[in-house]
C-alpha atoms as a PDB file:
ATOM      1  CA  UNK A   1      -2.903 -13.763  -3.676  1.00  0.00           C
ATOM      2  CA  UNK A   2      -3.182 -10.767  -5.086  1.00  0.00           C
ATOM      3  CA  UNK A   3      -1.515  -8.055  -6.415  1.00  0.00           C
ATOM      4  CA  UNK A   4      -2.388  -4.371  -6.017  1.00  0.00           C
ATOM      5  CA  UNK A   5      -1.306  -0.926  -7.115  1.00  0.00           C
ATOM      6  CA  UNK A   6      -2.484   1.946  -4.519  1.00  0.00           C
ATOM      7  CA  UNK A   7      -2.102   5.514  -6.411  1.00  0.00           C
ATOM      8  CA  UNK A   8      -1.887   7.821  -3.964  1.00  0.00           C
ATOM      9  CA  UNK A   9      -1.765  11.820  -3.838  1.00  0.00           C
ATOM     10  CA  UNK A  10       1.868  13.318  -4.374  1.00  0.00           C
ATOM     11  CA  UNK A  11       4.422  12.188  -1.615  1.00  0.00           C
ATOM     12  CA  UNK A  12       6.115  14.823   0.134  1.00  0.00           C
ATOM     13  CA  UNK A  13       8.948  13.525   1.322  1.00  0.00           C
ATOM     14  CA  UNK A  14      11.063   9.868   1.507  1.00  0.00           C
ATOM     15  CA  UNK A  15       9.674   9.805   5.088  1.00  0.00           C
ATOM     16  CA  UNK A  16       6.569   9.695   3.842  1.00  0.00           C
ATOM     17  CA  UNK A  17       7.657   6.798   2.066  1.00  0.00           C
ATOM     18  CA  UNK A  18       9.342   5.041   4.860  1.00  0.00           C
ATOM     19  CA  UNK A  19       5.623   5.830   7.109  1.00  0.00           C
ATOM     20  CA  UNK A  20       3.806   3.589   4.687  1.00  0.00           C
ATOM     21  CA  UNK A  21       6.137   1.369   3.973  1.00  0.00           C
ATOM     22  CA  UNK A  22       6.223   0.350   7.641  1.00  0.00           C
ATOM     23  CA  UNK A  23       2.248   0.639   7.742  1.00  0.00           C
ATOM     24  CA  UNK A  24       1.760  -1.889   4.861  1.00  0.00           C
ATOM     25  CA  UNK A  25       4.893  -4.416   6.029  1.00  0.00           C
ATOM     26  CA  UNK A  26       2.999  -4.599   9.134  1.00  0.00           C
ATOM     27  CA  UNK A  27      -0.396  -5.975   8.385  1.00  0.00           C
ATOM     28  CA  UNK A  28      -1.169  -9.726   8.337  1.00  0.00           C
ATOM     29  CA  UNK A  29      -1.477 -10.707   5.333  1.00  0.00           C
ATOM     30  CA  UNK A  30       0.781  -8.876   3.465  1.00  0.00           C
ATOM     31  CA  UNK A  31       3.718 -10.230   1.505  1.00  0.00           C
ATOM     32  CA  UNK A  32       6.277  -8.316   3.503  1.00  0.00           C
ATOM     33  CA  UNK A  33       8.653  -9.123   0.571  1.00  0.00           C
ATOM     34  CA  UNK A  34       6.663  -7.741  -2.198  1.00  0.00           C
ATOM     35  CA  UNK A  35       5.540  -3.874  -0.735  1.00  0.00           C
ATOM     36  CA  UNK A  36       7.415  -1.188  -2.457  1.00  0.00           C
ATOM     37  CA  UNK A  37       6.469   2.393  -2.325  1.00  0.00           C
ATOM     38  CA  UNK A  38       7.531   4.661  -5.456  1.00  0.00           C
ATOM     39  CA  UNK A  39       7.992   8.015  -4.622  1.00  0.00           C
ATOM     40  CA  UNK A  40       8.301   9.195  -7.849  1.00  0.00           C
ATOM     41  CA  UNK A  41       4.882   8.047  -9.084  1.00  0.00           C
ATOM     42  CA  UNK A  42       3.296   8.255  -5.314  1.00  0.00           C
ATOM     43  CA  UNK A  43       2.569   4.471  -5.712  1.00  0.00           C
ATOM     44  CA  UNK A  44       2.130   1.299  -3.205  1.00  0.00           C
ATOM     45  CA  UNK A  45       2.509  -1.900  -4.775  1.00  0.00           C
ATOM     46  CA  UNK A  46       2.578  -4.929  -2.860  1.00  0.00           C
ATOM     47  CA  UNK A  47       0.982  -8.736  -2.810  1.00  0.00           C
ATOM     48  CA  UNK A  48      -1.271  -9.500  -0.214  1.00  0.00           C
ATOM     49  CA  UNK A  49      -3.666 -12.625   0.618  1.00  0.00           C
ATOM     50  CA  UNK A  50      -7.060 -11.869   0.319  1.00  0.00           C
ATOM     51  CA  UNK A  51      -8.374 -14.224   2.271  1.00  0.00           C
ATOM     52  CA  UNK A  52      -6.583 -12.833   5.632  1.00  0.00           C
ATOM     53  CA  UNK A  53      -6.679  -8.923   4.609  1.00  0.00           C
ATOM     54  CA  UNK A  54      -8.926  -6.327   2.542  1.00  0.00           C
ATOM     55  CA  UNK A  55      -7.711  -4.014   0.326  1.00  0.00           C
ATOM     56  CA  UNK A  56     -10.257  -1.757   1.777  1.00  0.00           C
ATOM     57  CA  UNK A  57      -7.753  -2.566   5.230  1.00  0.00           C
ATOM     58  CA  UNK A  58      -5.054  -1.293   3.359  1.00  0.00           C
ATOM     59  CA  UNK A  59      -6.469   1.797   2.157  1.00  0.00           C
ATOM     60  CA  UNK A  60      -7.221   2.425   5.376  1.00  0.00           C
ATOM     61  CA  UNK A  61      -3.964   1.982   7.072  1.00  0.00           C
ATOM     62  CA  UNK A  62      -3.095   4.755   4.460  1.00  0.00           C
ATOM     63  CA  UNK A  63      -5.404   6.927   5.139  1.00  0.00           C
ATOM     64  CA  UNK A  64      -5.016   6.959   8.979  1.00  0.00           C
ATOM     65  CA  UNK A  65      -1.354   8.077   8.025  1.00  0.00           C
ATOM     66  CA  UNK A  66      -2.805  11.365   6.345  1.00  0.00           C
ATOM     67  CA  UNK A  67      -2.093  10.340   2.593  1.00  0.00           C
ATOM     68  CA  UNK A  68      -5.279  10.615   0.060  1.00  0.00           C
ATOM     69  CA  UNK A  69      -5.296   6.715  -1.489  1.00  0.00           C
ATOM     70  CA  UNK A  70      -6.559   7.919  -5.304  1.00  0.00           C
ATOM     71  CA  UNK A  71      -6.902   5.165  -6.929  1.00  0.00           C
ATOM     72  CA  UNK A  72      -6.496   1.071  -6.505  1.00  0.00           C
ATOM     73  CA  UNK A  73      -5.929  -1.706  -8.951  1.00  0.00           C
ATOM     74  CA  UNK A  74      -5.890  -5.082  -7.797  1.00  0.00           C
ATOM     75  CA  UNK A  75      -5.242  -8.450  -9.838  1.00  0.00           C
ATOM     76  CA  UNK A  76      -4.910 -11.782  -9.203  1.00  0.00           C
ATOM     77  CA  UNK A  77      -1.800 -13.331  -9.316  1.00  0.00           C
END
């Protein structure tokens, strides 16, 4: 398992948070309880199983929604 912090371009509204959270939680391999979208800092924090899912897939799911990923940090749990 890995812990990721994904820095996004500034989020415009609370519904943006909900869209991102829903998309990330729908991915196989994401620990759904760990997903947090922080509106004020425009960050997504989550834990994921790196044997089932790559960080690039998570970033792509966010990008498809129209949000720009600026920087990602991944650490071992």
